[in-house]
């Protein structure tokens, strides 16, 4: 009866996870949902839209300004020979002015190109946010797979311990073993029960993190039923070549270097004159109710060219150009620094990846041997040629081998995804 109550308790504790998990979710579905719902990614896309709005033809186009004014003046004129006389003057003016910058040292072209580069950089930041989000989703997705496999191993171990305890209980009642052996079997059963409950908490926590990552509410309405399959081993030379050409951080750094060149061109444009064309139409009407000619009106077009040239600014332009050159050089050095850092990270991660692949192969063999040894030990224990403590050692060896294999497999997969991230393949 105690065993029955115990089994029922375990099932009740595990049931919330599996009863709520109604739909099986694949990795592609998880990535798509995360990309659709992630708030940070939406913010970065809004920033991209703002940058797109800033790319306009406004620097090349004229400006049109309309003006209008109406004013009245009341005057009272008094003299010793006449009574006070009140007069009112009404002034109406209106006009339209067109200003068009024809030449500014090519500054308008530089400004347009600069805004285009800012848009490209904003789009590149969206790609970086996308690949980081994809990396997080993959990491949590495969972590769930690992934790669920550990749960299966823990349940298998629990079933073995339960069977061992029942066998020990029968033998104790028959007087074949001592009460010490029975108590040890009970201790191991309790330990495996606690391990199952702890692992259940780990699995549910992993699902909660994934649900939060997908922004899918607070209920776990999906499950993951998948396995970890490693891709064919990646060649390091191919990775380096792709990283230099397609790594999103390096692309962003190159764009920053280009932006600093546009800033330098914008400052250099200050050395050239600025030429503007202007034209307009104005009308002015003054009304004098007290006069014989009750109003006067003028109207007509005007046009002309205006040139301004900052011939000497106290060497301020030279100072700004010198600083812009330094900033351009700093951008170039920053790119080289990022390139060196990323290539070093690639080498370190590739070394980890190769090591994890090798460890996975070793641990897979160890897990197979441990499983076969456990099956033999189980049969020997049933026949009475193996003690409970010896059987427990085989059982622990099996659990440890499974966990080591899962850890190595997970680390190898995460290393593989990290290499593809550095090579810019996650946003292709």
Protein backbone atom coordinates (compact mmCIF):
# COMPACT_ATOMS: atom_id res chain seq x y z
CA UNK A 1 0.00 0.00 0.00
CA UNK A 2 2.85 2.38 0.79
CA UNK A 3 4.35 1.69 -2.64
CA UNK A 4 0.99 2.27 -4.30
CA UNK A 5 0.53 5.61 -2.55
CA UNK A 6 4.08 6.57 -3.48
CA UNK A 7 3.53 5.78 -7.18
CA UNK A 8 0.29 7.74 -7.18
CA UNK A 9 2.03 10.75 -5.63
CA UNK A 10 4.74 10.72 -8.32
CA UNK A 11 2.14 10.59 -11.10
CA UNK A 12 0.15 13.45 -9.57
CA UNK A 13 3.26 15.61 -9.33
CA UNK A 14 4.21 14.91 -12.93
CA UNK A 15 0.72 15.27 -14.37
CA UNK A 16 0.59 19.12 -14.58
CA UNK A 17 3.45 19.17 -17.05
CA UNK A 18 2.05 16.56 -19.40
CA UNK A 19 -1.66 17.34 -19.17
CA UNK A 20 -1.12 20.98 -20.15
CA UNK A 21 1.33 20.13 -22.93
CA UNK A 22 -1.16 19.59 -25.75
CA UNK A 23 0.73 20.53 -28.91
CA UNK A 24 4.15 19.29 -29.93
CA UNK A 25 6.34 22.22 -30.96
CA UNK A 26 9.27 21.89 -33.34
CA UNK A 27 12.38 24.05 -33.24
CA UNK A 28 11.35 25.96 -36.37
CA UNK A 29 7.94 26.72 -34.86
CA UNK A 30 9.55 27.93 -31.65
CA UNK A 31 11.92 30.23 -33.55
CA UNK A 32 9.11 31.68 -35.68
CA UNK A 33 6.93 32.33 -32.64
CA UNK A 34 9.79 33.98 -30.76
CA UNK A 35 10.59 36.23 -33.73
CA UNK A 36 6.94 37.26 -33.95
CA UNK A 37 6.39 38.00 -30.27
CA UNK A 38 9.68 39.25 -28.85
CA UNK A 39 9.32 42.83 -27.60
CA UNK A 40 13.00 43.77 -27.88
CA UNK A 41 13.00 42.67 -31.51
CA UNK A 42 9.89 44.73 -32.19
CA UNK A 43 11.60 47.79 -30.69
CA UNK A 44 14.67 47.29 -32.89
CA UNK A 45 12.40 46.97 -35.94
CA UNK A 46 10.72 50.24 -34.97
CA UNK A 47 14.15 51.85 -34.84
CA UNK A 48 14.76 50.48 -38.32
CA UNK A 49 11.52 52.07 -39.53
CA UNK A 50 12.59 55.42 -38.09
CA UNK A 51 15.93 55.12 -39.89
CA UNK A 52 14.06 54.32 -43.12
CA UNK A 53 11.90 57.43 -42.68
CA UNK A 54 15.06 59.52 -42.33
CA UNK A 55 16.27 58.52 -45.81
CA UNK A 56 14.57 61.24 -47.87
CA UNK A 57 15.28 63.53 -50.81
CA UNK A 58 14.75 66.59 -48.60
CA UNK A 59 18.39 67.80 -48.92
CA UNK A 60 17.97 68.03 -52.71
CA UNK A 61 14.54 69.67 -52.78
CA UNK A 62 13.60 73.36 -52.43
CA UNK A 63 11.66 74.77 -49.51
CA UNK A 64 8.49 76.79 -50.07
CA UNK A 65 7.36 79.27 -47.43
CA UNK A 66 4.15 81.24 -47.40
CA UNK A 67 3.72 84.40 -45.33
CA UNK A 68 0.80 86.69 -44.56
CA UNK A 69 0.20 89.69 -42.31
CA UNK A 70 -2.61 92.10 -41.54
CA UNK A 71 -2.34 95.13 -39.24
CA UNK A 72 -4.42 98.18 -38.46
CA UNK A 73 -3.43 101.53 -37.00
CA UNK A 74 -5.86 103.98 -35.36
CA UNK A 75 -4.70 107.59 -34.93
CA UNK A 76 -6.46 110.63 -33.41
CA UNK A 77 -5.30 114.01 -34.71
CA UNK A 78 -6.15 117.13 -32.67
CA UNK A 79 -5.30 120.79 -33.22
CA UNK A 80 -6.33 124.17 -31.77
CA UNK A 81 -8.17 125.11 -34.93
CA UNK A 82 -10.16 121.93 -35.52
CA UNK A 83 -11.91 119.20 -33.75
CA UNK A 84 -10.28 115.81 -33.10
CA UNK A 85 -10.09 113.67 -36.23
CA UNK A 86 -9.79 109.87 -36.05
CA UNK A 87 -8.01 108.00 -38.85
CA UNK A 88 -7.42 104.26 -39.49
CA UNK A 89 -4.79 102.60 -41.70
CA UNK A 90 -5.18 98.93 -42.79
CA UNK A 91 -2.06 97.09 -44.05
CA UNK A 92 -2.29 93.71 -45.83
CA UNK A 93 0.77 91.73 -46.99
CA UNK A 94 1.17 88.20 -48.43
CA UNK A 95 3.88 86.31 -50.22
CA UNK A 96 5.39 82.99 -51.26
CA UNK A 97 9.15 82.36 -51.15
CA UNK A 98 11.07 79.46 -52.71
CA UNK A 99 14.62 78.69 -51.52
CA UNK A 100 16.75 76.08 -53.24
CA UNK A 101 20.32 75.20 -52.31
CA UNK A 102 22.15 74.49 -55.54
CA UNK A 103 25.61 73.74 -54.21
CA UNK A 104 27.04 73.17 -50.74
CA UNK A 105 30.30 71.39 -51.37
CA UNK A 106 28.41 68.11 -52.09
CA UNK A 107 27.25 68.12 -48.45
CA UNK A 108 23.69 67.23 -49.44
CA UNK A 109 24.89 64.10 -51.23
CA UNK A 110 26.99 63.14 -48.20
CA UNK A 111 24.02 63.63 -45.90
CA UNK A 112 21.82 61.42 -48.07
CA UNK A 113 24.47 58.67 -48.21
CA UNK A 114 24.98 58.97 -44.45
CA UNK A 115 21.26 58.40 -43.79
CA UNK A 116 21.33 55.37 -46.08
CA UNK A 117 24.26 53.98 -44.11
CA UNK A 118 22.43 54.60 -40.82
CA UNK A 119 19.50 52.62 -42.24
CA UNK A 120 21.81 49.75 -43.18
CA UNK A 121 23.30 49.78 -39.68
CA UNK A 122 19.82 49.73 -38.13
CA UNK A 123 18.88 46.76 -40.33
CA UNK A 124 22.10 45.05 -39.30
CA UNK A 125 21.27 45.53 -35.62
CA UNK A 126 17.93 43.83 -36.27
CA UNK A 127 19.81 40.86 -37.75
CA UNK A 128 22.09 40.71 -34.70
CA UNK A 129 19.07 40.75 -32.38
CA UNK A 130 17.43 38.04 -34.49
CA UNK A 131 20.42 35.72 -34.38
CA UNK A 132 20.88 36.25 -30.63
CA UNK A 133 17.21 35.43 -30.08
CA UNK A 134 17.50 32.34 -32.30
CA UNK A 135 20.55 31.25 -30.29
CA UNK A 136 18.63 31.61 -27.02
CA UNK A 137 15.64 29.68 -28.37
CA UNK A 138 17.85 26.86 -29.64
CA UNK A 139 19.73 26.70 -26.35
CA UNK A 140 16.53 26.44 -24.31
CA UNK A 141 14.91 24.05 -26.80
CA UNK A 142 17.78 21.56 -26.62
CA UNK A 143 18.03 22.05 -22.86
CA UNK A 144 14.42 20.87 -22.55
CA UNK A 145 15.29 17.80 -24.61
CA UNK A 146 18.24 17.06 -22.31
CA UNK A 147 16.22 17.57 -19.14
CA UNK A 148 13.39 15.36 -20.43
CA UNK A 149 15.87 12.61 -21.22
CA UNK A 150 17.29 12.96 -17.74
CA UNK A 151 13.76 12.67 -16.41
CA UNK A 152 13.33 9.41 -18.32
CA UNK A 153 16.60 8.11 -16.85
CA UNK A 154 15.53 9.19 -13.38
CA UNK A 155 12.17 7.42 -13.79
CA UNK A 156 13.94 4.30 -15.06
CA UNK A 157 16.20 4.36 -12.04
CA UNK A 158 13.20 4.88 -9.79
CA UNK A 159 11.45 1.88 -11.31
CA UNK A 160 14.58 -0.24 -10.77
CA UNK A 161 14.85 0.91 -7.15
CA UNK A 162 11.20 0.20 -6.57
CA UNK A 163 11.57 -3.30 -8.03
CA UNK A 164 14.69 -3.83 -5.92
CA UNK A 165 12.88 -2.70 -2.77
CA UNK A 166 9.95 -5.03 -3.44
CA UNK A 167 12.37 -7.88 -4.08
CA UNK A 168 14.27 -7.07 -0.90
CA UNK A 169 11.02 -6.90 1.04
CA UNK A 170 10.05 -10.39 -0.14
CA UNK A 171 13.48 -11.76 0.68
CA UNK A 172 13.39 -10.13 4.12
CA UNK A 173 10.05 -11.72 4.86
CA UNK A 174 11.49 -15.06 3.79
CA UNK A 175 14.54 -14.48 5.98
CA UNK A 176 16.98 -14.52 3.07
CA UNK A 177 18.43 -11.04 3.75
CA UNK A 178 18.80 -8.88 6.84
CA UNK A 179 16.81 -5.79 7.75
CA UNK A 180 19.90 -3.71 6.97
CA UNK A 181 19.71 -4.67 3.31
CA UNK A 182 16.02 -3.82 3.27
CA UNK A 183 16.65 -0.42 4.83
CA UNK A 184 19.41 0.32 2.33
CA UNK A 185 17.02 -0.51 -0.51
CA UNK A 186 14.51 1.88 1.03
CA UNK A 187 17.11 4.64 1.32
CA UNK A 188 18.05 4.22 -2.35
CA UNK A 189 14.37 4.25 -3.32
CA UNK A 190 13.83 7.50 -1.42
CA UNK A 191 16.93 9.02 -3.03
CA UNK A 192 15.67 8.16 -6.51
CA UNK A 193 12.22 9.52 -5.61
CA UNK A 194 13.77 12.82 -4.58
CA UNK A 195 15.84 12.85 -7.77
CA UNK A 196 12.66 12.45 -9.84
CA UNK A 197 10.95 15.32 -8.04
CA UNK A 198 14.02 17.54 -8.44
CA UNK A 199 14.29 16.69 -12.11
CA UNK A 200 10.58 17.35 -12.57
CA UNK A 201 11.14 20.85 -11.19
CA UNK A 202 14.05 21.32 -13.61
CA UNK A 203 11.94 20.24 -16.59
CA UNK A 204 9.03 22.52 -15.71
CA UNK A 205 11.42 25.43 -15.09
CA UNK A 206 12.90 24.87 -18.55
CA UNK A 207 9.39 24.95 -20.08
CA UNK A 208 8.60 28.15 -18.17
CA UNK A 209 11.75 29.81 -19.50
CA UNK A 210 10.88 28.73 -23.03
CA UNK A 211 7.31 30.01 -22.64
CA UNK A 212 8.63 33.35 -21.45
CA UNK A 213 11.12 33.44 -24.31
CA UNK A 214 8.30 32.86 -26.79
CA UNK A 215 6.12 35.45 -25.01
CA UNK A 216 3.38 32.81 -25.05
CA UNK A 217 1.61 33.72 -21.83
CA UNK A 218 1.85 31.97 -18.48
CA UNK A 219 0.39 28.56 -19.33
CA UNK A 220 2.51 25.76 -20.78
CA UNK A 221 0.35 24.78 -23.76
CA UNK A 222 2.99 22.90 -25.79
CA UNK A 223 5.48 20.10 -25.39
CA UNK A 224 8.74 19.26 -27.07
CA UNK A 225 9.34 15.75 -28.35
CA UNK A 226 12.60 15.78 -30.25
CA UNK A 227 16.16 14.52 -30.21
CA UNK A 228 19.57 16.16 -30.58
CA UNK A 229 21.26 15.32 -33.87
CA UNK A 230 24.70 16.72 -34.59
CA UNK A 231 25.46 18.01 -38.07
CA UNK A 232 28.48 16.72 -40.01
CA UNK A 233 31.71 18.14 -38.65
CA UNK A 234 32.38 21.69 -39.85
CA UNK A 235 35.63 22.70 -41.54
CA UNK A 236 37.48 25.51 -39.74
CA UNK A 237 38.82 27.12 -42.94
CA UNK A 238 35.32 27.40 -44.37
CA UNK A 239 34.15 28.90 -41.06
CA UNK A 240 36.88 31.54 -41.07
CA UNK A 241 36.08 32.53 -44.64
CA UNK A 242 32.36 32.81 -43.94
CA UNK A 243 32.96 34.66 -40.68
CA UNK A 244 35.04 37.34 -42.38
CA UNK A 245 32.40 37.80 -45.05
CA UNK A 246 29.09 37.28 -43.26
CA UNK A 247 29.53 37.77 -39.51
CA UNK A 248 26.91 40.36 -38.57
CA UNK A 249 29.06 42.05 -35.94
CA UNK A 250 31.85 42.52 -38.49
CA UNK A 251 29.40 43.83 -41.07
CA UNK A 252 28.12 46.36 -38.53
CA UNK A 253 31.70 47.41 -37.73
CA UNK A 254 32.42 47.91 -41.45
CA UNK A 255 29.29 50.04 -41.72
CA UNK A 256 30.47 52.11 -38.77
CA UNK A 257 33.78 52.63 -40.55
CA UNK A 258 31.94 53.80 -43.67
CA UNK A 259 29.77 56.14 -41.58
CA UNK A 260 32.85 57.83 -40.14
CA UNK A 261 34.06 58.46 -43.72
CA UNK A 262 30.77 60.22 -44.51
CA UNK A 263 31.20 62.33 -41.37
CA UNK A 264 34.63 63.36 -42.64
CA UNK A 265 33.20 64.28 -46.06
CA UNK A 266 30.48 66.35 -44.37
CA UNK A 267 33.08 68.40 -42.50
CA UNK A 268 35.21 68.83 -45.62
CA UNK A 269 32.19 70.30 -47.39
CA UNK A 270 32.46 73.33 -45.08
CA UNK A 271 35.51 74.49 -47.06
CA UNK A 272 33.40 75.12 -50.16
CA UNK A 273 30.98 77.95 -50.86
CA UNK A 274 27.26 77.56 -50.55
CA UNK A 275 25.04 78.78 -53.41
CA UNK A 276 21.30 79.25 -53.04
CA UNK A 277 18.63 80.23 -55.52
CA UNK A 278 15.56 82.03 -54.26
CA UNK A 279 12.40 83.33 -55.87
CA UNK A 280 9.06 84.53 -54.66
CA UNK A 281 5.92 86.52 -55.20
CA UNK A 282 4.79 89.26 -52.81
CA UNK A 283 1.73 91.48 -52.60
CA UNK A 284 1.23 94.46 -50.29
CA UNK A 285 -1.92 96.59 -49.92
CA UNK A 286 -2.39 99.65 -47.70
CA UNK A 287 -5.89 101.12 -47.18
CA UNK A 288 -6.44 104.76 -46.13
CA UNK A 289 -10.18 105.44 -45.63
CA UNK A 290 -9.51 109.14 -44.87
CA UNK A 291 -7.50 109.81 -48.04
CA UNK A 292 -8.70 110.70 -51.52
CA UNK A 293 -6.74 107.77 -52.89
CA UNK A 294 -8.13 105.25 -50.49
CA UNK A 295 -5.51 102.53 -51.06
CA UNK A 296 -2.17 101.64 -52.60
CA UNK A 297 -1.03 98.18 -53.73
CA UNK A 298 2.21 96.64 -54.94
CA UNK A 299 2.84 93.10 -56.17
CA UNK A 300 5.39 91.19 -58.23
CA UNK A 301 8.00 88.45 -58.56
CA UNK A 302 11.54 88.47 -57.25
CA UNK A 303 14.44 86.11 -57.80
CA UNK A 304 18.15 85.90 -57.31
CA UNK A 305 21.24 83.94 -56.32
CA UNK A 306 22.96 84.05 -52.99
CA UNK A 307 26.45 82.81 -52.22
CA UNK A 308 28.15 82.49 -48.85
CA UNK A 309 31.70 81.34 -48.28
CA UNK A 310 33.31 80.92 -44.91
CA UNK A 311 36.76 82.14 -45.92
CA UNK A 312 38.26 82.13 -42.45
CA UNK A 313 36.78 80.68 -39.26
CA UNK A 314 39.68 80.92 -36.87
CA UNK A 315 40.97 77.51 -38.09
CA UNK A 316 37.79 75.91 -36.71
CA UNK A 317 37.15 73.99 -39.94
CA UNK A 318 40.69 72.59 -39.88
CA UNK A 319 40.20 71.45 -36.31
CA UNK A 320 36.94 69.66 -37.14
CA UNK A 321 38.48 67.97 -40.19
CA UNK A 322 41.46 66.79 -38.12
CA UNK A 323 39.13 65.33 -35.48
CA UNK A 324 36.99 63.65 -38.15
CA UNK A 325 40.13 62.02 -39.60
CA UNK A 326 41.07 60.72 -36.16
CA UNK A 327 37.55 59.33 -35.64
CA UNK A 328 37.73 57.65 -39.05
CA UNK A 329 41.02 56.02 -38.09
CA UNK A 330 39.53 54.95 -34.76
CA UNK A 331 36.63 53.31 -36.61
CA UNK A 332 39.10 51.40 -38.77
CA UNK A 333 41.04 50.24 -35.69
CA UNK A 334 37.78 49.30 -33.97
CA UNK A 335 36.91 47.07 -36.92
CA UNK A 336 40.31 45.37 -36.78
CA UNK A 337 39.90 44.87 -33.04
CA UNK A 338 36.46 43.30 -33.44
CA UNK A 339 37.75 41.12 -36.30
CA UNK A 340 40.63 39.86 -34.17
CA UNK A 341 38.31 39.22 -31.22
CA UNK A 342 35.73 37.32 -33.28
CA UNK A 343 38.33 35.18 -35.06
CA UNK A 344 39.86 34.35 -31.67
CA UNK A 345 36.42 33.46 -30.34
CA UNK A 346 35.88 31.29 -33.42
CA UNK A 347 39.10 29.35 -32.77
CA UNK A 348 38.24 28.84 -29.09
CA UNK A 349 34.69 27.74 -29.87
CA UNK A 350 35.85 25.41 -32.63
CA UNK A 351 38.31 23.79 -30.25
CA UNK A 352 35.48 23.34 -27.73
CA UNK A 353 33.25 21.99 -30.48
CA UNK A 354 35.80 19.36 -31.56
CA UNK A 355 36.40 18.33 -27.97
CA UNK A 356 32.67 18.02 -27.31
CA UNK A 357 32.26 15.87 -30.42
CA UNK A 358 34.98 13.52 -29.19
CA UNK A 359 33.58 13.42 -25.65
CA UNK A 360 30.11 12.70 -27.04
CA UNK A 361 31.44 9.68 -28.92
CA UNK A 362 33.18 8.39 -25.79
CA UNK A 363 30.18 8.95 -23.56
CA UNK A 364 27.82 7.35 -26.06
CA UNK A 365 29.95 4.20 -25.97
CA UNK A 366 30.10 4.39 -22.17
CA UNK A 367 26.31 4.75 -21.93
CA UNK A 368 25.79 1.70 -24.15
CA UNK A 369 28.23 -0.36 -22.09
CA UNK A 370 26.64 0.88 -18.84
CA UNK A 371 23.18 -0.08 -20.08
CA UNK A 372 24.35 -3.57 -21.06
CA UNK A 373 26.14 -3.96 -17.72
CA UNK A 374 23.01 -2.86 -15.87
CA UNK A 375 20.88 -5.44 -17.67
CA UNK A 376 23.37 -8.17 -16.72
CA UNK A 377 23.52 -6.90 -13.15
CA UNK A 378 19.75 -6.86 -12.94
CA UNK A 379 19.55 -10.49 -13.97
CA UNK A 380 22.28 -11.46 -11.51
CA UNK A 381 20.49 -9.58 -8.74
CA UNK A 382 17.26 -11.44 -9.44
CA UNK A 383 19.15 -14.72 -9.31
CA UNK A 384 20.70 -13.75 -6.00
CA UNK A 385 24.33 -13.73 -7.18
CA UNK A 386 24.67 -9.95 -6.77
CA UNK A 387 24.04 -7.95 -3.62
CA UNK A 388 21.83 -4.88 -3.46
CA UNK A 389 24.78 -2.56 -2.88
CA UNK A 390 26.61 -3.98 -5.90
CA UNK A 391 23.50 -3.61 -8.02
CA UNK A 392 23.17 0.00 -6.84
CA UNK A 393 26.69 0.71 -8.07
CA UNK A 394 25.82 -0.55 -11.54
CA UNK A 395 22.67 1.54 -11.41
CA UNK A 396 24.59 4.70 -10.49
CA UNK A 397 27.16 4.01 -13.19
CA UNK A 398 24.37 3.82 -15.73
CA UNK A 399 22.80 7.10 -14.56
CA UNK A 400 26.14 8.90 -14.54
CA UNK A 401 26.99 7.66 -18.03
CA UNK A 402 23.63 8.79 -19.39
CA UNK A 403 23.96 12.23 -17.80
CA UNK A 404 27.52 12.67 -19.04
CA UNK A 405 26.46 11.73 -22.56
CA UNK A 406 23.52 14.16 -22.49
CA UNK A 407 25.75 16.96 -21.22
CA UNK A 408 28.39 16.32 -23.89
CA UNK A 409 25.74 16.08 -26.62
CA UNK A 410 24.13 19.34 -25.50
CA UNK A 411 27.44 21.18 -25.33
CA UNK A 412 28.43 19.89 -28.77
CA UNK A 413 25.13 21.08 -30.26
CA UNK A 414 25.37 24.51 -28.62
CA UNK A 415 28.95 24.84 -29.84
CA UNK A 416 27.80 23.93 -33.34
CA UNK A 417 25.06 26.58 -33.26
CA UNK A 418 27.54 29.12 -31.86
CA UNK A 419 29.89 28.47 -34.78
CA UNK A 420 27.06 28.98 -37.23
CA UNK A 421 26.16 32.22 -35.45
CA UNK A 422 29.71 33.51 -35.84
CA UNK A 423 29.62 32.53 -39.51
CA UNK A 424 26.40 34.52 -40.00
CA UNK A 425 24.34 31.47 -40.98
CA UNK A 426 21.51 31.91 -38.46
CA UNK A 427 20.03 34.91 -40.31
CA UNK A 428 20.40 33.63 -43.86
